[in-house]
Amino acid sequence: MRISHRHKFIYYSIPKTGSESVRQLLDPLSDVKIVAYSQTTSEQPFYSHMRPVEANRVFKTLNYDIHKYFSFATVRNPWKRMASLFYMIQRNQRYFWNGSFKDWLKSIDPQNLIFPPTNGKWYDHGIINYSTFLEYGAAENGVDQVFRIEDGLYDLIKQLKTRKDIKNWEPEIPHINKNPGTIKYKELYDIQCIEIVQKLFSKDIAIYGYSFDD
């Protein structure tokens, strides 16, 4: 998540959608401190993977009109996203999964409910679909605009440069936290795994035009 009161924008950071690169891109424009979920307090309520429904409540508490802010998010091919999240789980001792990729996919609630919730929002919000993550946000449909990370960040930058005092912003596009293992994501999938992700993220696939081979 990144917020700028000066430039009136909110970036909602969906896990494993290139969000760390986008957050770094937006750092020079942001003016609100974002902390880890476990470090949130009433004085510092905003955390990296906060959903719009949560931010909306905080904005109301702080007497800010969230509808005056341009809100946006990035999305990614769901099959690649799940592979990337699985690799991350394997690198994280707290969430290490001893079973197969297929068994892990089967463990995800088919109704996209977070059960049981954990203290790691990168995981909780990483396994829900984009529609669930973005619902009840600043705009009626959750956010004002969604960018596919596969299309690059140029449209995102172009859109932001229409905001107040950002016209002369000429950023370098970062690319960090890239896991080389996700390049070979197809090696994790058999037909059943492909179908599980298809069912879990059918809305995302339809809305954003993804396919397994993208």
Protein backbone atom coordinates (compact mmCIF):
# COMPACT_ATOMS: atom_id res chain seq x y z
CA MET A 1 0.00 0.00 0.00
CA ARG A 2 1.08 3.54 -0.70
CA ILE A 3 -0.84 6.72 0.12
CA SER A 4 -0.27 10.35 -0.84
CA HIS A 5 -2.44 13.03 0.72
CA ARG A 6 -0.66 15.66 -1.35
CA HIS A 7 -1.28 13.95 -4.68
CA LYS A 8 -4.52 12.28 -3.59
CA PHE A 9 -3.85 8.67 -4.52
CA ILE A 10 -4.01 5.25 -2.86
CA TYR A 11 -2.25 2.16 -4.18
CA TYR A 12 -3.66 -1.13 -2.90
CA SER A 13 -0.93 -3.73 -2.80
CA ILE A 14 -2.25 -7.20 -3.65
CA PRO A 15 0.38 -9.81 -2.72
CA LYS A 16 2.41 -11.35 -5.56
CA THR A 17 1.30 -8.91 -8.25
CA GLY A 18 4.57 -7.01 -8.65
CA SER A 19 3.44 -4.87 -5.73
CA GLU A 20 6.86 -4.47 -4.13
CA SER A 21 8.20 -2.92 -7.32
CA VAL A 22 5.20 -0.59 -7.51
CA ARG A 23 5.59 0.42 -3.87
CA GLN A 24 9.22 1.31 -4.51
CA LEU A 25 8.17 3.27 -7.60
CA LEU A 26 5.68 5.28 -5.53
CA ASP A 27 7.88 5.89 -2.47
CA PRO A 28 9.06 9.36 -3.59
CA LEU A 29 5.43 10.49 -3.99
CA SER A 30 4.02 8.95 -0.81
CA ASP A 31 3.62 10.79 2.48
CA VAL A 32 1.99 8.24 4.80
CA LYS A 33 3.99 5.73 6.83
CA ILE A 34 3.10 2.13 6.01
CA VAL A 35 4.08 -0.53 8.55
CA ALA A 36 3.94 -4.30 8.82
CA TYR A 37 0.54 -5.63 9.87
CA SER A 38 1.92 -6.79 13.23
CA GLN A 39 3.16 -3.23 13.90
CA THR A 40 -0.10 -1.40 13.24
CA THR A 41 -1.40 0.95 15.94
CA SER A 42 -4.07 3.64 16.13
CA GLU A 43 -1.35 6.17 15.24
CA GLN A 44 0.02 4.01 12.38
CA PRO A 45 -2.99 2.06 11.07
CA PHE A 46 -1.92 1.46 7.47
CA TYR A 47 -0.08 -1.73 6.47
CA SER A 48 1.37 -3.07 3.21
CA HIS A 49 -1.43 -5.38 2.05
CA MET A 50 -4.41 -3.53 3.51
CA ARG A 51 -7.67 -4.04 1.63
CA PRO A 52 -9.88 -1.13 0.49
CA VAL A 53 -12.63 -2.09 2.94
CA GLU A 54 -10.14 -1.68 5.81
CA ALA A 55 -8.68 1.56 4.46
CA ASN A 56 -12.17 2.97 4.04
CA ARG A 57 -12.87 2.48 7.75
CA VAL A 58 -9.58 4.12 8.75
CA PHE A 59 -10.16 7.09 6.45
CA LYS A 60 -13.57 7.66 8.03
CA THR A 61 -12.02 7.53 11.50
CA LEU A 62 -9.43 10.13 10.45
CA ASN A 63 -12.09 12.30 8.77
CA TYR A 64 -10.57 12.00 5.30
CA ASP A 65 -12.84 11.69 2.27
CA ILE A 66 -11.53 8.58 0.51
CA HIS A 67 -13.62 9.35 -2.57
CA LYS A 68 -11.33 12.30 -3.35
CA TYR A 69 -8.40 9.91 -3.85
CA PHE A 70 -7.49 8.11 -7.06
CA SER A 71 -7.33 4.45 -6.04
CA PHE A 72 -5.63 1.74 -8.04
CA ALA A 73 -4.12 -1.74 -7.85
CA THR A 74 -2.07 -4.16 -9.93
CA VAL A 75 -3.03 -7.72 -10.87
CA ARG A 76 -1.16 -10.70 -12.32
CA ASN A 77 -1.88 -13.97 -14.11
CA PRO A 78 -3.46 -16.12 -11.33
CA TRP A 79 -1.55 -19.27 -12.30
CA LYS A 80 1.76 -17.40 -12.02
CA ARG A 81 0.61 -15.67 -8.85
CA MET A 82 -0.18 -18.94 -7.09
CA ALA A 83 3.14 -20.45 -8.17
CA SER A 84 4.98 -17.39 -6.87
CA LEU A 85 3.13 -17.51 -3.55
CA PHE A 86 3.88 -21.23 -3.19
CA TYR A 87 7.60 -20.63 -3.73
CA MET A 88 7.46 -17.86 -1.13
CA ILE A 89 5.76 -20.17 1.37
CA GLN A 90 8.51 -22.73 0.85
CA ARG A 91 11.11 -20.07 1.69
CA ASN A 92 9.25 -18.97 4.83
CA GLN A 93 9.75 -21.19 7.88
CA ARG A 94 6.56 -20.06 9.55
CA TYR A 95 4.37 -21.04 6.59
CA PHE A 96 6.45 -23.90 5.22
CA TRP A 97 4.28 -26.44 3.44
CA ASN A 98 5.47 -30.06 3.48
CA GLY A 99 2.95 -31.29 0.96
CA SER A 100 2.68 -30.91 -2.79
CA PHE A 101 1.66 -27.85 -4.76
CA LYS A 102 -1.58 -29.62 -5.66
CA ASP A 103 -2.42 -30.39 -2.02
CA TRP A 104 -1.74 -26.77 -1.11
CA LEU A 105 -4.09 -25.53 -3.85
CA LYS A 106 -6.77 -27.92 -2.55
CA SER A 107 -6.36 -26.43 0.94
CA ILE A 108 -7.47 -22.98 -0.26
CA ASP A 109 -11.09 -22.27 0.59
CA PRO A 110 -13.11 -22.53 -2.67
CA GLN A 111 -15.36 -19.66 -1.51
CA ASN A 112 -12.29 -17.42 -1.15
CA LEU A 113 -12.76 -17.13 2.59
CA ILE A 114 -9.68 -16.64 4.73
CA PHE A 115 -9.80 -19.62 7.08
CA PRO A 116 -8.13 -19.84 9.43
CA PRO A 117 -6.83 -16.24 9.40
CA THR A 118 -3.19 -15.71 10.26
CA ASN A 119 -1.07 -12.77 11.28
CA GLY A 120 0.62 -12.75 7.87
CA LYS A 121 -1.44 -10.63 5.52
CA TRP A 122 0.86 -11.42 2.59
CA TYR A 123 -0.47 -14.97 2.90
CA ASP A 124 -4.10 -14.31 3.90
CA HIS A 125 -4.57 -11.76 1.13
CA GLY A 126 -2.39 -13.69 -1.29
CA ILE A 127 -4.83 -16.61 -1.58
CA ILE A 128 -8.03 -14.61 -2.17
CA ASN A 129 -9.13 -13.44 -5.59
CA TYR A 130 -8.86 -9.86 -6.79
CA SER A 131 -12.60 -9.25 -6.56
CA THR A 132 -12.61 -10.25 -2.89
CA PHE A 133 -9.49 -8.24 -2.08
CA LEU A 134 -10.74 -5.07 -3.79
CA GLU A 135 -14.41 -5.04 -2.81
CA TYR A 136 -15.98 -2.17 -0.84
CA GLY A 137 -13.30 0.34 -1.65
CA ALA A 138 -13.02 3.98 -2.57
CA ALA A 139 -15.13 3.59 -5.69
CA GLU A 140 -18.29 1.49 -6.13
CA ASN A 141 -16.30 -1.29 -7.78
CA GLY A 142 -13.52 -1.23 -5.18
CA VAL A 143 -10.87 0.84 -6.95
CA ASP A 144 -10.84 3.40 -9.72
CA GLN A 145 -8.41 1.53 -11.96
CA VAL A 146 -6.64 -1.83 -12.14
CA PHE A 147 -3.42 -2.40 -14.09
CA ARG A 148 -2.20 -5.76 -15.36
CA ILE A 149 1.44 -6.06 -14.32
CA GLU A 150 2.18 -7.98 -17.54
CA ASP A 151 1.38 -4.83 -19.53
CA GLY A 152 4.15 -2.91 -17.77
CA LEU A 153 3.88 0.14 -15.54
CA TYR A 154 3.87 2.81 -18.23
CA ASP A 155 0.08 3.25 -18.22
CA LEU A 156 0.15 3.49 -14.42
CA ILE A 157 2.85 6.18 -14.57
CA LYS A 158 0.97 8.02 -17.34
CA GLN A 159 -2.21 8.03 -15.26
CA LEU A 160 -0.44 9.29 -12.15
CA LYS A 161 1.23 12.10 -14.10
CA THR A 162 -2.21 13.60 -14.63
CA ARG A 163 -2.40 14.17 -10.87
CA LYS A 164 -1.49 17.47 -9.22
CA ASP A 165 2.26 18.25 -9.10
CA ILE A 166 3.33 14.91 -10.66
CA LYS A 167 3.64 16.05 -14.29
CA ASN A 168 7.46 16.25 -14.22
CA TRP A 169 7.89 12.90 -12.50
CA GLU A 170 10.19 10.67 -14.59
CA PRO A 171 10.80 7.54 -12.51
CA GLU A 172 12.95 4.52 -13.28
CA ILE A 173 10.86 1.38 -13.14
CA PRO A 174 12.23 -0.99 -10.46
CA HIS A 175 11.92 -4.75 -10.52
CA ILE A 176 12.63 -6.29 -7.13
CA ASN A 177 11.76 -9.41 -5.17
CA LYS A 178 11.71 -11.46 -8.35
CA ASN A 179 11.85 -15.19 -7.71
CA PRO A 180 13.61 -16.98 -10.61
CA GLY A 181 11.59 -20.11 -9.86
CA THR A 182 8.36 -18.50 -11.04
CA ILE A 183 9.74 -18.31 -14.59
CA LYS A 184 9.21 -22.10 -14.77
CA TYR A 185 5.78 -21.96 -13.17
CA LYS A 186 4.32 -24.46 -15.64
CA GLU A 187 6.44 -27.22 -14.15
CA LEU A 188 4.26 -27.08 -11.02
CA TYR A 189 1.04 -27.66 -12.91
CA ASP A 190 -0.78 -30.69 -14.15
CA ILE A 191 -4.31 -30.62 -15.60
CA GLN A 192 -5.95 -30.85 -12.17
CA CYS A 193 -3.88 -27.98 -10.76
CA ILE A 194 -4.75 -25.83 -13.76
CA GLU A 195 -8.44 -26.55 -13.19
CA ILE A 196 -8.24 -25.77 -9.45
CA VAL A 197 -6.81 -22.31 -10.12
CA GLN A 198 -9.36 -21.85 -12.92
CA LYS A 199 -12.18 -22.42 -10.43
CA LEU A 200 -10.64 -20.43 -7.56
CA PHE A 201 -9.99 -17.37 -9.70
CA SER A 202 -12.64 -17.64 -12.40
CA LYS A 203 -13.77 -14.04 -11.86
CA ASP A 204 -10.24 -12.69 -12.16
CA ILE A 205 -9.56 -14.73 -15.28
CA ALA A 206 -12.75 -13.50 -16.95
CA ILE A 207 -12.39 -9.85 -15.94
CA TYR A 208 -8.72 -9.42 -16.81
CA GLY A 209 -8.49 -11.81 -19.74
CA TYR A 210 -5.90 -14.25 -18.45
CA SER A 211 -5.14 -17.77 -19.63
CA PHE A 212 -2.74 -20.39 -18.34
CA ASP A 213 -0.31 -19.84 -21.22
CA ASP A 214 -0.11 -16.02 -20.85
